[in-house]
PDB file of N, CA and C in Angstrom:
ATOM      1  N   MET A   1     -87.531 111.417  45.728  1.00  0.00           N
ATOM      2  CA  MET A   1     -87.801 112.798  45.355  1.00  0.00           C
ATOM      3  C   MET A   1     -87.600 113.019  43.860  1.00  0.00           C
ATOM      4  N   SER A   2     -86.487 112.519  43.318  1.00  0.00           N
ATOM      5  CA  SER A   2     -86.195 112.734  41.906  1.00  0.00           C
ATOM      6  C   SER A   2     -87.187 111.986  41.018  1.00  0.00           C
ATOM      7  N   GLN A   3     -87.692 110.845  41.503  1.00  0.00           N
ATOM      8  CA  GLN A   3     -88.692 110.096  40.732  1.00  0.00           C
ATOM      9  C   GLN A   3     -89.985 110.904  40.597  1.00  0.00           C
ATOM     10  N   LYS A   4     -90.390 111.560  41.672  1.00  0.00           N
ATOM     11  CA  LYS A   4     -91.600 112.378  41.639  1.00  0.00           C
ATOM     12  C   LYS A   4     -91.417 113.582  40.722  1.00  0.00           C
ATOM     13  N   LEU A   5     -90.232 114.169  40.775  1.00  0.00           N
ATOM     14  CA  LEU A   5     -89.927 115.308  39.920  1.00  0.00           C
ATOM     15  C   LEU A   5     -89.943 114.895  38.440  1.00  0.00           C
ATOM     16  N   MET A   6     -89.347 113.759  38.122  1.00  0.00           N
ATOM     17  CA  MET A   6     -89.344 113.247  36.747  1.00  0.00           C
ATOM     18  C   MET A   6     -90.769 112.954  36.277  1.00  0.00           C
ATOM     19  N   ALA A   7     -91.596 112.409  37.156  1.00  0.00           N
ATOM     20  CA  ALA A   7     -92.987 112.109  36.804  1.00  0.00           C
ATOM     21  C   ALA A   7     -93.754 113.394  36.490  1.00  0.00           C
ATOM     22  N   LEU A   8     -93.510 114.449  37.246  1.00  0.00           N
ATOM     23  CA  LEU A   8     -94.172 115.724  36.988  1.00  0.00           C
ATOM     24  C   LEU A   8     -93.736 116.330  35.649  1.00  0.00           C
ATOM     25  N   VAL A   9     -92.445 116.243  35.347  1.00  0.00           N
ATOM     26  CA  VAL A   9     -91.930 116.770  34.082  1.00  0.00           C
ATOM     27  C   VAL A   9     -92.498 115.978  32.912  1.00  0.00           C
ATOM     28  N   GLU A  10     -92.553 114.650  33.052  1.00  0.00           N
ATOM     29  CA  GLU A  10     -93.111 113.803  31.994  1.00  0.00           C
ATOM     30  C   GLU A  10     -94.594 114.063  31.811  1.00  0.00           C
ATOM     31  N   GLN A  11     -95.319 114.262  32.887  1.00  0.00           N
ATOM     32  CA  GLN A  11     -96.771 114.480  32.817  1.00  0.00           C
ATOM     33  C   GLN A  11     -97.108 115.726  31.999  1.00  0.00           C
ATOM     34  N   ALA A  12     -96.254 116.733  32.061  1.00  0.00           N
ATOM     35  CA  ALA A  12     -96.502 117.973  31.333  1.00  0.00           C
ATOM     36  C   ALA A  12     -96.403 117.775  29.821  1.00  0.00           C
ATOM     37  N   SER A  13     -95.552 116.856  29.377  1.00  0.00           N
ATOM     38  CA  SER A  13     -95.362 116.669  27.939  1.00  0.00           C
ATOM     39  C   SER A  13     -96.157 115.501  27.361  1.00  0.00           C
ATOM     40  N   MET A  14     -96.981 114.837  28.162  1.00  0.00           N
ATOM     41  CA  MET A  14     -97.794 113.725  27.661  1.00  0.00           C
ATOM     42  C   MET A  14     -99.117 114.236  27.108  1.00  0.00           C
ATOM     43  N   LYS A  15     -99.591 113.596  26.043  1.00  0.00           N
ATOM     44  CA  LYS A  15    -100.881 113.949  25.449  1.00  0.00           C
ATOM     45  C   LYS A  15    -102.013 113.363  26.277  1.00  0.00           C
ATOM     46  N   ALA A  16    -103.122 114.075  26.305  1.00  0.00           N
ATOM     47  CA  ALA A  16    -104.274 113.600  27.069  1.00  0.00           C
ATOM     48  C   ALA A  16    -105.254 112.824  26.196  1.00  0.00           C
ATOM     49  N   ASP A  17    -105.237 113.068  24.885  1.00  0.00           N
ATOM     50  CA  ASP A  17    -106.249 112.489  23.995  1.00  0.00           C
ATOM     51  C   ASP A  17    -105.716 111.328  23.152  1.00  0.00           C
ATOM     52  N   VAL A  18    -104.889 110.480  23.742  1.00  0.00           N
ATOM     53  CA  VAL A  18    -104.357 109.326  23.014  1.00  0.00           C
ATOM     54  C   VAL A  18    -105.419 108.227  23.015  1.00  0.00           C
ATOM     55  N   PRO A  19    -105.824 107.730  21.831  1.00  0.00           N
ATOM     56  CA  PRO A  19    -106.840 106.675  21.797  1.00  0.00           C
ATOM     57  C   PRO A  19    -106.266 105.343  22.261  1.00  0.00           C
ATOM     58  N   LYS A  20    -107.146 104.471  22.728  1.00  0.00           N
ATOM     59  CA  LYS A  20    -106.712 103.151  23.161  1.00  0.00           C
ATOM     60  C   LYS A  20    -106.622 102.255  21.935  1.00  0.00           C
ATOM     61  N   PHE A  21    -105.443 101.721  21.672  1.00  0.00           N
ATOM     62  CA  PHE A  21    -105.275 100.755  20.597  1.00  0.00           C
ATOM     63  C   PHE A  21    -104.283  99.694  21.044  1.00  0.00           C
ATOM     64  N   ASP A  22    -104.422  98.513  20.466  1.00  0.00           N
ATOM     65  CA  ASP A  22    -103.607  97.380  20.875  1.00  0.00           C
ATOM     66  C   ASP A  22    -102.798  96.852  19.701  1.00  0.00           C
ATOM     67  N   ILE A  23    -102.014  95.847  19.964  1.00  0.00           N
ATOM     68  CA  ILE A  23    -101.253  95.167  18.926  1.00  0.00           C
ATOM     69  C   ILE A  23    -102.250  94.483  17.988  1.00  0.00           C
ATOM     70  N   GLY A  24    -102.024  94.593  16.688  1.00  0.00           N
ATOM     71  CA  GLY A  24    -102.898  93.958  15.708  1.00  0.00           C
ATOM     72  C   GLY A  24    -103.988  94.871  15.182  1.00  0.00           C
ATOM     73  N   ASP A  25    -104.143  96.051  15.757  1.00  0.00           N
ATOM     74  CA  ASP A  25    -105.158  96.990  15.277  1.00  0.00           C
ATOM     75  C   ASP A  25    -104.681  97.691  14.010  1.00  0.00           C
ATOM     76  N   SER A  26    -105.595  97.921  13.085  1.00  0.00           N
ATOM     77  CA  SER A  26    -105.288  98.723  11.901  1.00  0.00           C
ATOM     78  C   SER A  26    -105.539 100.177  12.249  1.00  0.00           C
ATOM     79  N   VAL A  27    -104.536 101.016  12.047  1.00  0.00           N
ATOM     80  CA  VAL A  27    -104.630 102.419  12.443  1.00  0.00           C
ATOM     81  C   VAL A  27    -104.216 103.338  11.300  1.00  0.00           C
ATOM     82  N   ASP A  28    -104.712 104.569  11.357  1.00  0.00           N
ATOM     83  CA  ASP A  28    -104.253 105.660  10.501  1.00  0.00           C
ATOM     84  C   ASP A  28    -103.538 106.652  11.411  1.00  0.00           C
ATOM     85  N   VAL A  29    -102.262 106.884  11.156  1.00  0.00           N
ATOM     86  CA  VAL A  29    -101.477 107.826  11.945  1.00  0.00           C
ATOM     87  C   VAL A  29    -101.321 109.097  11.119  1.00  0.00           C
ATOM     88  N   HIS A  30    -101.899 110.204  11.584  1.00  0.00           N
ATOM     89  CA  HIS A  30    -101.830 111.494  10.902  1.00  0.00           C
ATOM     90  C   HIS A  30    -100.607 112.236  11.442  1.00  0.00           C
ATOM     91  N   THR A  31     -99.600 112.402  10.592  1.00  0.00           N
ATOM     92  CA  THR A  31     -98.330 113.002  10.993  1.00  0.00           C
ATOM     93  C   THR A  31     -98.130 114.340  10.316  1.00  0.00           C
ATOM     94  N   LYS A  32     -97.663 115.330  11.065  1.00  0.00           N
ATOM     95  CA  LYS A  32     -97.360 116.644  10.500  1.00  0.00           C
ATOM     96  C   LYS A  32     -96.008 116.583   9.806  1.00  0.00           C
ATOM     97  N   ILE A  33     -95.972 116.993   8.538  1.00  0.00           N
ATOM     98  CA  ILE A  33     -94.749 117.001   7.747  1.00  0.00           C
ATOM     99  C   ILE A  33     -94.422 118.449   7.404  1.00  0.00           C
ATOM    100  N   LEU A  34     -93.182 118.846   7.603  1.00  0.00           N
ATOM    101  CA  LEU A  34     -92.741 120.203   7.296  1.00  0.00           C
ATOM    102  C   LEU A  34     -91.979 120.185   5.975  1.00  0.00           C
ATOM    103  N   GLU A  35     -92.522 120.882   4.961  1.00  0.00           N
ATOM    104  CA  GLU A  35     -91.872 120.975   3.651  1.00  0.00           C
ATOM    105  C   GLU A  35     -91.567 122.450   3.392  1.00  0.00           C
ATOM    106  N   GLY A  36     -90.312 122.813   3.533  1.00  0.00           N
ATOM    107  CA  GLY A  36     -89.947 124.217   3.397  1.00  0.00           C
ATOM    108  C   GLY A  36     -90.535 125.010   4.540  1.00  0.00           C
ATOM    109  N   ASN A  37     -91.422 125.968   4.206  1.00  0.00           N
ATOM    110  CA  ASN A  37     -92.097 126.738   5.261  1.00  0.00           C
ATOM    111  C   ASN A  37     -93.566 126.347   5.381  1.00  0.00           C
ATOM    112  N   LYS A  38     -93.985 125.319   4.624  1.00  0.00           N
ATOM    113  CA  LYS A  38     -95.372 124.860   4.687  1.00  0.00           C
ATOM    114  C   LYS A  38     -95.464 123.572   5.500  1.00  0.00           C
ATOM    115  N   GLU A  39     -96.556 123.439   6.212  1.00  0.00           N
ATOM    116  CA  GLU A  39     -96.799 122.242   7.006  1.00  0.00           C
ATOM    117  C   GLU A  39     -98.043 121.546   6.498  1.00  0.00           C
ATOM    118  N   ARG A  40     -97.951 120.220   6.320  1.00  0.00           N
ATOM    119  CA  ARG A  40     -99.108 119.450   5.873  1.00  0.00           C
ATOM    120  C   ARG A  40     -99.208 118.180   6.699  1.00  0.00           C
ATOM    121  N   VAL A  41    -100.352 117.500   6.560  1.00  0.00           N
ATOM    122  CA  VAL A  41    -100.576 116.274   7.312  1.00  0.00           C
ATOM    123  C   VAL A  41    -100.506 115.091   6.358  1.00  0.00           C
ATOM    124  N   GLN A  42     -99.698 114.098   6.716  1.00  0.00           N
ATOM    125  CA  GLN A  42     -99.567 112.889   5.924  1.00  0.00           C
ATOM    126  C   GLN A  42    -100.105 111.725   6.741  1.00  0.00           C
ATOM    127  N   VAL A  43    -100.864 110.832   6.091  1.00  0.00           N
ATOM    128  CA  VAL A  43    -101.470 109.696   6.782  1.00  0.00           C
ATOM    129  C   VAL A  43    -100.664 108.443   6.486  1.00  0.00           C
ATOM    130  N   PHE A  44    -100.304 107.711   7.530  1.00  0.00           N
ATOM    131  CA  PHE A  44     -99.617 106.429   7.403  1.00  0.00           C
ATOM    132  C   PHE A  44    -100.563 105.377   7.948  1.00  0.00           C
ATOM    133  N   SER A  45    -101.082 104.504   7.075  1.00  0.00           N
ATOM    134  CA  SER A  45    -102.043 103.474   7.473  1.00  0.00           C
ATOM    135  C   SER A  45    -101.349 102.128   7.549  1.00  0.00           C
ATOM    136  N   GLY A  46    -101.694 101.348   8.548  1.00  0.00           N
ATOM    137  CA  GLY A  46    -101.111 100.023   8.651  1.00  0.00           C
ATOM    138  C   GLY A  46    -101.528  99.323   9.923  1.00  0.00           C
ATOM    139  N   VAL A  47    -100.859  98.216  10.210  1.00  0.00           N
ATOM    140  CA  VAL A  47    -101.151  97.377  11.369  1.00  0.00           C
ATOM    141  C   VAL A  47    -100.097  97.624  12.434  1.00  0.00           C
ATOM    142  N   VAL A  48    -100.539  97.798  13.669  1.00  0.00           N
ATOM    143  CA  VAL A  48     -99.613  97.974  14.787  1.00  0.00           C
ATOM    144  C   VAL A  48     -99.015  96.610  15.105  1.00  0.00           C
ATOM    145  N   ILE A  49     -97.685  96.486  14.943  1.00  0.00           N
ATOM    146  CA  ILE A  49     -97.048  95.187  15.196  1.00  0.00           C
ATOM    147  C   ILE A  49     -96.271  95.166  16.508  1.00  0.00           C
ATOM    148  N   ALA A  50     -96.044  96.327  17.131  1.00  0.00           N
ATOM    149  CA  ALA A  50     -95.297  96.344  18.396  1.00  0.00           C
ATOM    150  C   ALA A  50     -95.560  97.641  19.148  1.00  0.00           C
ATOM    151  N   ARG A  51     -95.480  97.551  20.461  1.00  0.00           N
ATOM    152  CA  ARG A  51     -95.495  98.714  21.346  1.00  0.00           C
ATOM    153  C   ARG A  51     -94.400  98.512  22.374  1.00  0.00           C
ATOM    154  N   SER A  52     -93.726  99.591  22.747  1.00  0.00           N
ATOM    155  CA  SER A  52     -92.656  99.466  23.729  1.00  0.00           C
ATOM    156  C   SER A  52     -92.532 100.760  24.516  1.00  0.00           C
ATOM    157  N   GLY A  53     -91.879 100.662  25.655  1.00  0.00           N
ATOM    158  CA  GLY A  53     -91.640 101.836  26.484  1.00  0.00           C
ATOM    159  C   GLY A  53     -92.839 102.187  27.349  1.00  0.00           C
ATOM    160  N   SER A  54     -92.685 103.265  28.118  1.00  0.00           N
ATOM    161  CA  SER A  54     -93.768 103.740  28.967  1.00  0.00           C
ATOM    162  C   SER A  54     -93.588 105.234  29.180  1.00  0.00           C
ATOM    163  N   GLY A  55     -94.657 105.880  29.555  1.00  0.00           N
ATOM    164  CA  GLY A  55     -94.607 107.322  29.795  1.00  0.00           C
ATOM    165  C   GLY A  55     -94.379 108.085  28.506  1.00  0.00           C
ATOM    166  N   THR A  56     -93.517 109.077  28.542  1.00  0.00           N
ATOM    167  CA  THR A  56     -93.247 109.876  27.352  1.00  0.00           C
ATOM    168  C   THR A  56     -92.398 109.118  26.336  1.00  0.00           C
ATOM    169  N   ARG A  57     -91.755 108.039  26.760  1.00  0.00           N
ATOM    170  CA  ARG A  57     -90.893 107.271  25.870  1.00  0.00           C
ATOM    171  C   ARG A  57     -91.621 106.129  25.175  1.00  0.00           C
ATOM    172  N   GLU A  58     -92.936 106.091  25.261  1.00  0.00           N
ATOM    173  CA  GLU A  58     -93.685 104.984  24.640  1.00  0.00           C
ATOM    174  C   GLU A  58     -93.682 105.116  23.123  1.00  0.00           C
ATOM    175  N   MET A  59     -93.392 103.998  22.433  1.00  0.00           N
ATOM    176  CA  MET A  59     -93.298 103.963  20.980  1.00  0.00           C
ATOM    177  C   MET A  59     -94.217 102.856  20.449  1.00  0.00           C
ATOM    178  N   PHE A  60     -94.608 102.988  19.185  1.00  0.00           N
ATOM    179  CA  PHE A  60     -95.334 101.905  18.523  1.00  0.00           C
ATOM    180  C   PHE A  60     -94.887 101.812  17.073  1.00  0.00           C
ATOM    181  N   VAL A  61     -94.925 100.592  16.534  1.00  0.00           N
ATOM    182  CA  VAL A  61     -94.463 100.314  15.176  1.00  0.00           C
ATOM    183  C   VAL A  61     -95.666  99.958  14.319  1.00  0.00           C
ATOM    184  N   VAL A  62     -95.785 100.633  13.173  1.00  0.00           N
ATOM    185  CA  VAL A  62     -96.878 100.383  12.235  1.00  0.00           C
ATOM    186  C   VAL A  62     -96.272  99.821  10.955  1.00  0.00           C
ATOM    187  N   ARG A  63     -96.869  98.758  10.433  1.00  0.00           N
ATOM    188  CA  ARG A  63     -96.381  98.103   9.215  1.00  0.00           C
ATOM    189  C   ARG A  63     -97.469  98.115   8.159  1.00  0.00           C
ATOM    190  N   ARG A  64     -97.056  98.404   6.920  1.00  0.00           N
ATOM    191  CA  ARG A  64     -97.977  98.340   5.795  1.00  0.00           C
ATOM    192  C   ARG A  64     -97.226  97.864   4.564  1.00  0.00           C
ATOM    193  N   ILE A  65     -97.975  97.447   3.556  1.00  0.00           N
ATOM    194  CA  ILE A  65     -97.395  96.966   2.315  1.00  0.00           C
ATOM    195  C   ILE A  65     -97.589  98.046   1.256  1.00  0.00           C
ATOM    196  N   VAL A  66     -96.489  98.488   0.625  1.00  0.00           N
ATOM    197  CA  VAL A  66     -96.534  99.495  -0.428  1.00  0.00           C
ATOM    198  C   VAL A  66     -95.861  98.902  -1.661  1.00  0.00           C
ATOM    199  N   ALA A  67     -96.629  98.737  -2.741  1.00  0.00           N
ATOM    200  CA  ALA A  67     -96.116  98.198  -4.014  1.00  0.00           C
ATOM    201  C   ALA A  67     -95.416  96.859  -3.810  1.00  0.00           C
ATOM    202  N   GLY A  68     -96.013  96.000  -2.983  1.00  0.00           N
ATOM    203  CA  GLY A  68     -95.457  94.678  -2.747  1.00  0.00           C
ATOM    204  C   GLY A  68     -94.289  94.634  -1.793  1.00  0.00           C
ATOM    205  N   GLU A  69     -93.898  95.755  -1.247  1.00  0.00           N
ATOM    206  CA  GLU A  69     -92.773  95.843  -0.323  1.00  0.00           C
ATOM    207  C   GLU A  69     -93.285  96.256   1.063  1.00  0.00           C
ATOM    208  N   GLY A  70     -92.818  95.586   2.113  1.00  0.00           N
ATOM    209  CA  GLY A  70     -93.229  95.925   3.466  1.00  0.00           C
ATOM    210  C   GLY A  70     -92.505  97.163   3.967  1.00  0.00           C
ATOM    211  N   VAL A  71     -93.270  98.093   4.550  1.00  0.00           N
ATOM    212  CA  VAL A  71     -92.690  99.322   5.098  1.00  0.00           C
ATOM    213  C   VAL A  71     -93.124  99.436   6.554  1.00  0.00           C
ATOM    214  N   GLU A  72     -92.151  99.636   7.437  1.00  0.00           N
ATOM    215  CA  GLU A  72     -92.448  99.809   8.859  1.00  0.00           C
ATOM    216  C   GLU A  72     -91.990 101.190   9.294  1.00  0.00           C
ATOM    217  N   ARG A  73     -92.763 101.759  10.188  1.00  0.00           N
ATOM    218  CA  ARG A  73     -92.401 103.076  10.718  1.00  0.00           C
ATOM    219  C   ARG A  73     -92.661 103.075  12.216  1.00  0.00           C
ATOM    220  N   LYS A  74     -91.722 103.615  12.959  1.00  0.00           N
ATOM    221  CA  LYS A  74     -91.820 103.662  14.418  1.00  0.00           C
ATOM    222  C   LYS A  74     -92.176 105.078  14.836  1.00  0.00           C
ATOM    223  N   PHE A  75     -93.223 105.209  15.641  1.00  0.00           N
ATOM    224  CA  PHE A  75     -93.705 106.518  16.067  1.00  0.00           C
ATOM    225  C   PHE A  75     -93.625 106.644  17.581  1.00  0.00           C
ATOM    226  N   PRO A  76     -93.215 107.808  18.102  1.00  0.00           N
ATOM    227  CA  PRO A  76     -93.371 108.083  19.531  1.00  0.00           C
ATOM    228  C   PRO A  76     -94.840 108.445  19.801  1.00  0.00           C
ATOM    229  N   LEU A  77     -95.438 107.818  20.775  1.00  0.00           N
ATOM    230  CA  LEU A  77     -96.876 107.978  21.026  1.00  0.00           C
ATOM    231  C   LEU A  77     -97.246 109.405  21.411  1.00  0.00           C
ATOM    232  N   HIS A  78     -96.421 110.078  22.187  1.00  0.00           N
ATOM    233  CA  HIS A  78     -96.750 111.413  22.695  1.00  0.00           C
ATOM    234  C   HIS A  78     -96.036 112.528  21.935  1.00  0.00           C
ATOM    235  N   SER A  79     -95.640 112.259  20.703  1.00  0.00           N
ATOM    236  CA  SER A  79     -94.928 113.252  19.901  1.00  0.00           C
ATOM    237  C   SER A  79     -95.860 114.387  19.477  1.00  0.00           C
ATOM    238  N   PRO A  80     -95.390 115.623  19.480  1.00  0.00           N
ATOM    239  CA  PRO A  80     -96.214 116.727  18.991  1.00  0.00           C
ATOM    240  C   PRO A  80     -96.403 116.679  17.464  1.00  0.00           C
ATOM    241  N   LYS A  81     -95.588 115.905  16.758  1.00  0.00           N
ATOM    242  CA  LYS A  81     -95.727 115.769  15.311  1.00  0.00           C
ATOM    243  C   LYS A  81     -96.885 114.854  14.917  1.00  0.00           C
ATOM    244  N   ILE A  82     -97.368 114.040  15.840  1.00  0.00           N
ATOM    245  CA  ILE A  82     -98.524 113.187  15.563  1.00  0.00           C
ATOM    246  C   ILE A  82     -99.774 113.972  15.894  1.00  0.00           C
ATOM    247  N   GLU A  83    -100.588 114.231  14.850  1.00  0.00           N
ATOM    248  CA  GLU A  83    -101.800 115.007  15.034  1.00  0.00           C
ATOM    249  C   GLU A  83    -102.903 114.166  15.657  1.00  0.00           C
ATOM    250  N   LYS A  84    -103.136 112.969  15.083  1.00  0.00           N
ATOM    251  CA  LYS A  84    -104.130 112.072  15.670  1.00  0.00           C
ATOM    252  C   LYS A  84    -103.876 110.653  15.197  1.00  0.00           C
ATOM    253  N   ILE A  85    -104.435 109.707  15.941  1.00  0.00           N
ATOM    254  CA  ILE A  85    -104.358 108.287  15.609  1.00  0.00           C
ATOM    255  C   ILE A  85    -105.787 107.777  15.538  1.00  0.00           C
ATOM    256  N   GLU A  86    -106.175 107.250  14.379  1.00  0.00           N
ATOM    257  CA  GLU A  86    -107.516 106.693  14.192  1.00  0.00           C
ATOM    258  C   GLU A  86    -107.432 105.182  14.154  1.00  0.00           C
ATOM    259  N   VAL A  87    -108.239 104.501  14.957  1.00  0.00           N
ATOM    260  CA  VAL A  87    -108.289 103.047  14.941  1.00  0.00           C
ATOM    261  C   VAL A  87    -109.367 102.642  13.945  1.00  0.00           C
ATOM    262  N   LYS A  88    -108.960 101.913  12.903  1.00  0.00           N
ATOM    263  CA  LYS A  88    -109.889 101.499  11.852  1.00  0.00           C
ATOM    264  C   LYS A  88    -110.560 100.177  12.178  1.00  0.00           C
ATOM    265  N   ARG A  89    -109.774  99.185  12.612  1.00  0.00           N
ATOM    266  CA  ARG A  89    -110.342  97.901  13.000  1.00  0.00           C
ATOM    267  C   ARG A  89    -109.427  97.228  13.992  1.00  0.00           C
ATOM    268  N   SER A  90    -110.004  96.369  14.822  1.00  0.00           N
ATOM    269  CA  SER A  90    -109.234  95.617  15.803  1.00  0.00           C
ATOM    270  C   SER A  90    -109.139  94.168  15.361  1.00  0.00           C
ATOM    271  N   SER A  91    -108.053  93.523  15.708  1.00  0.00           N
ATOM    272  CA  SER A  91    -107.841  92.139  15.327  1.00  0.00           C
ATOM    273  C   SER A  91    -107.538  91.305  16.556  1.00  0.00           C
ATOM    274  N   VAL A  92    -107.839  90.013  16.439  1.00  0.00           N
ATOM    275  CA  VAL A  92    -107.550  89.069  17.506  1.00  0.00           C
ATOM    276  C   VAL A  92    -106.120  88.585  17.326  1.00  0.00           C
ATOM    277  N   VAL A  93    -105.267  88.832  18.313  1.00  0.00           N
ATOM    278  CA  VAL A  93    -103.886  88.361  18.277  1.00  0.00           C
ATOM    279  C   VAL A  93    -103.549  87.718  19.610  1.00  0.00           C
ATOM    280  N   ARG A  94    -102.551  86.823  19.589  1.00  0.00           N
ATOM    281  CA  ARG A  94    -102.174  86.107  20.796  1.00  0.00           C
ATOM    282  C   ARG A  94    -100.723  86.373  21.179  1.00  0.00           C
ATOM    283  N   ARG A  95    -100.142  87.411  20.581  1.00  0.00           N
ATOM    284  CA  ARG A  95     -98.753  87.732  20.868  1.00  0.00           C
ATOM    285  C   ARG A  95     -98.611  89.224  21.157  1.00  0.00           C
ATOM    286  N   ALA A  96     -97.539  89.591  21.820  1.00  0.00           N
ATOM    287  CA  ALA A  96     -97.280  90.990  22.125  1.00  0.00           C
ATOM    288  C   ALA A  96     -96.564  91.689  20.972  1.00  0.00           C
ATOM    289  N   LYS A  97     -95.814  90.939  20.179  1.00  0.00           N
ATOM    290  CA  LYS A  97     -95.105  91.482  19.019  1.00  0.00           C
ATOM    291  C   LYS A  97     -95.463  90.628  17.807  1.00  0.00           C
ATOM    292  N   LEU A  98     -95.832  91.272  16.709  1.00  0.00           N
ATOM    293  CA  LEU A  98     -96.252  90.550  15.503  1.00  0.00           C
ATOM    294  C   LEU A  98     -95.156  90.565  14.442  1.00  0.00           C
ATOM    295  N   TYR A  99     -93.919  90.309  14.855  1.00  0.00           N
ATOM    296  CA  TYR A  99     -92.802  90.335  13.919  1.00  0.00           C
ATOM    297  C   TYR A  99     -92.888  89.210  12.887  1.00  0.00           C
ATOM    298  N   PHE A 100     -93.670  88.163  13.161  1.00  0.00           N
ATOM    299  CA  PHE A 100     -93.812  87.068  12.207  1.00  0.00           C
ATOM    300  C   PHE A 100     -94.496  87.518  10.920  1.00  0.00           C
ATOM    301  N   LEU A 101     -95.185  88.663  10.936  1.00  0.00           N
ATOM    302  CA  LEU A 101     -95.833  89.168   9.723  1.00  0.00           C
ATOM    303  C   LEU A 101     -94.804  89.611   8.682  1.00  0.00           C
ATOM    304  N   ARG A 102     -93.565  89.847   9.104  1.00  0.00           N
ATOM    305  CA  ARG A 102     -92.521  90.284   8.173  1.00  0.00           C
ATOM    306  C   ARG A 102     -92.211  89.215   7.129  1.00  0.00           C
ATOM    307  N   GLU A 103     -92.308  87.955   7.498  1.00  0.00           N
ATOM    308  CA  GLU A 103     -92.006  86.867   6.562  1.00  0.00           C
ATOM    309  C   GLU A 103     -93.204  86.490   5.702  1.00  0.00           C
ATOM    310  N   ARG A 104     -94.373  87.008   6.021  1.00  0.00           N
ATOM    311  CA  ARG A 104     -95.582  86.629   5.291  1.00  0.00           C
ATOM    312  C   ARG A 104     -95.914  87.638   4.200  1.00  0.00           C
ATOM    313  N   SER A 105     -96.658  87.158   3.192  1.00  0.00           N
ATOM    314  CA  SER A 105     -97.086  88.050   2.116  1.00  0.00           C
ATOM    315  C   SER A 105     -98.458  87.621   1.630  1.00  0.00           C
ATOM    316  N   GLY A 106     -99.147  88.538   0.974  1.00  0.00           N
ATOM    317  CA  GLY A 106    -100.456  88.231   0.410  1.00  0.00           C
ATOM    318  C   GLY A 106    -101.520  88.026   1.471  1.00  0.00           C
ATOM    319  N   LYS A 107    -102.337  86.972   1.275  1.00  0.00           N
ATOM    320  CA  LYS A 107    -103.441  86.715   2.194  1.00  0.00           C
ATOM    321  C   LYS A 107    -102.986  86.203   3.551  1.00  0.00           C
ATOM    322  N   ALA A 108    -101.768  85.734   3.641  1.00  0.00           N
ATOM    323  CA  ALA A 108    -101.242  85.221   4.912  1.00  0.00           C
ATOM    324  C   ALA A 108    -101.033  86.335   5.936  1.00  0.00           C
ATOM    325  N   VAL A 109    -101.039  87.586   5.490  1.00  0.00           N
ATOM    326  CA  VAL A 109    -100.831  88.722   6.387  1.00  0.00           C
ATOM    327  C   VAL A 109    -102.116  89.091   7.122  1.00  0.00           C
ATOM    328  N   ARG A 110    -103.253  88.659   6.582  1.00  0.00           N
ATOM    329  CA  ARG A 110    -104.527  89.044   7.188  1.00  0.00           C
ATOM    330  C   ARG A 110    -104.656  88.539   8.612  1.00  0.00           C
ATOM    331  N   LEU A 111    -105.313  89.342   9.457  1.00  0.00           N
ATOM    332  CA  LEU A 111    -105.581  88.975  10.842  1.00  0.00           C
ATOM    333  C   LEU A 111    -107.081  88.879  11.041  1.00  0.00           C
ATOM    334  N   LYS A 112    -107.498  88.001  11.939  1.00  0.00           N
ATOM    335  CA  LYS A 112    -108.917  87.810  12.208  1.00  0.00           C
ATOM    336  C   LYS A 112    -109.474  89.007  12.966  1.00  0.00           C
ATOM    337  N   GLU A 113    -110.607  89.548  12.501  1.00  0.00           N
ATOM    338  CA  GLU A 113    -111.174  90.753  13.100  1.00  0.00           C
ATOM    339  C   GLU A 113    -111.818  90.451  14.445  1.00  0.00           C
ATOM    340  N   ARG A 114    -111.635  91.379  15.398  1.00  0.00           N
ATOM    341  CA  ARG A 114    -112.251  91.266  16.712  1.00  0.00           C
ATOM    342  C   ARG A 114    -113.610  91.945  16.667  1.00  0.00           C
ATOM    343  N   ARG A 115    -114.644  91.206  16.949  1.00  0.00           N
ATOM    344  CA  ARG A 115    -116.007  91.749  16.962  1.00  0.00           C
ATOM    345  C   ARG A 115    -116.324  92.254  18.353  1.00  0.00           C
ATOM    346  N   VAL A 116    -116.806  93.484  18.428  1.00  0.00           N
ATOM    347  CA  VAL A 116    -117.180  94.075  19.720  1.00  0.00           C
ATOM    348  C   VAL A 116    -118.703  94.048  19.811  1.00  0.00           C
ATOM    349  N   VAL A 117    -119.203  93.407  20.850  1.00  0.00           N
ATOM    350  CA  VAL A 117    -120.646  93.280  21.049  1.00  0.00           C
ATOM    351  C   VAL A 117    -121.186  94.576  21.624  1.00  0.00           C
ATOM    352  N   GLY A 118    -122.277  95.060  21.074  1.00  0.00           N
ATOM    353  CA  GLY A 118    -122.920  96.253  21.600  1.00  0.00           C
ATOM    354  C   GLY A 118    -122.589  97.519  20.858  1.00  0.00           C
ATOM    355  N   ARG A 119    -121.913  97.406  19.745  1.00  0.00           N
ATOM    356  CA  ARG A 119    -121.598  98.610  18.946  1.00  0.00           C
ATOM    357  C   ARG A 119    -122.377  98.605  17.669  1.00  0.00           C
TER     358      ARG A 119
END
């Protein structure tokens, strides 16, 4: 009984328009930022290196290089602060977590692009 009740409560707070993206995809995450009494949208672009959790607790980690330094940010997938997620390109990966990219720099960070037939 409590499992069904929890599922109903979680269903109410889950987003319906979450795009399908996988590990290794390059994404733009549009996040709402509150500065004083003004709200603006900030874009965080990078590669999805991990996904974890399920339901309302699902999270994903995006990594990008800024001024030669690696920056990672963890986002809750169903957060109201995330306005939208745009998938820019998909990559071929053979792992569930791409933590090995942390030790790489330059051209070694590149991932092979996944070609979709029929688009």
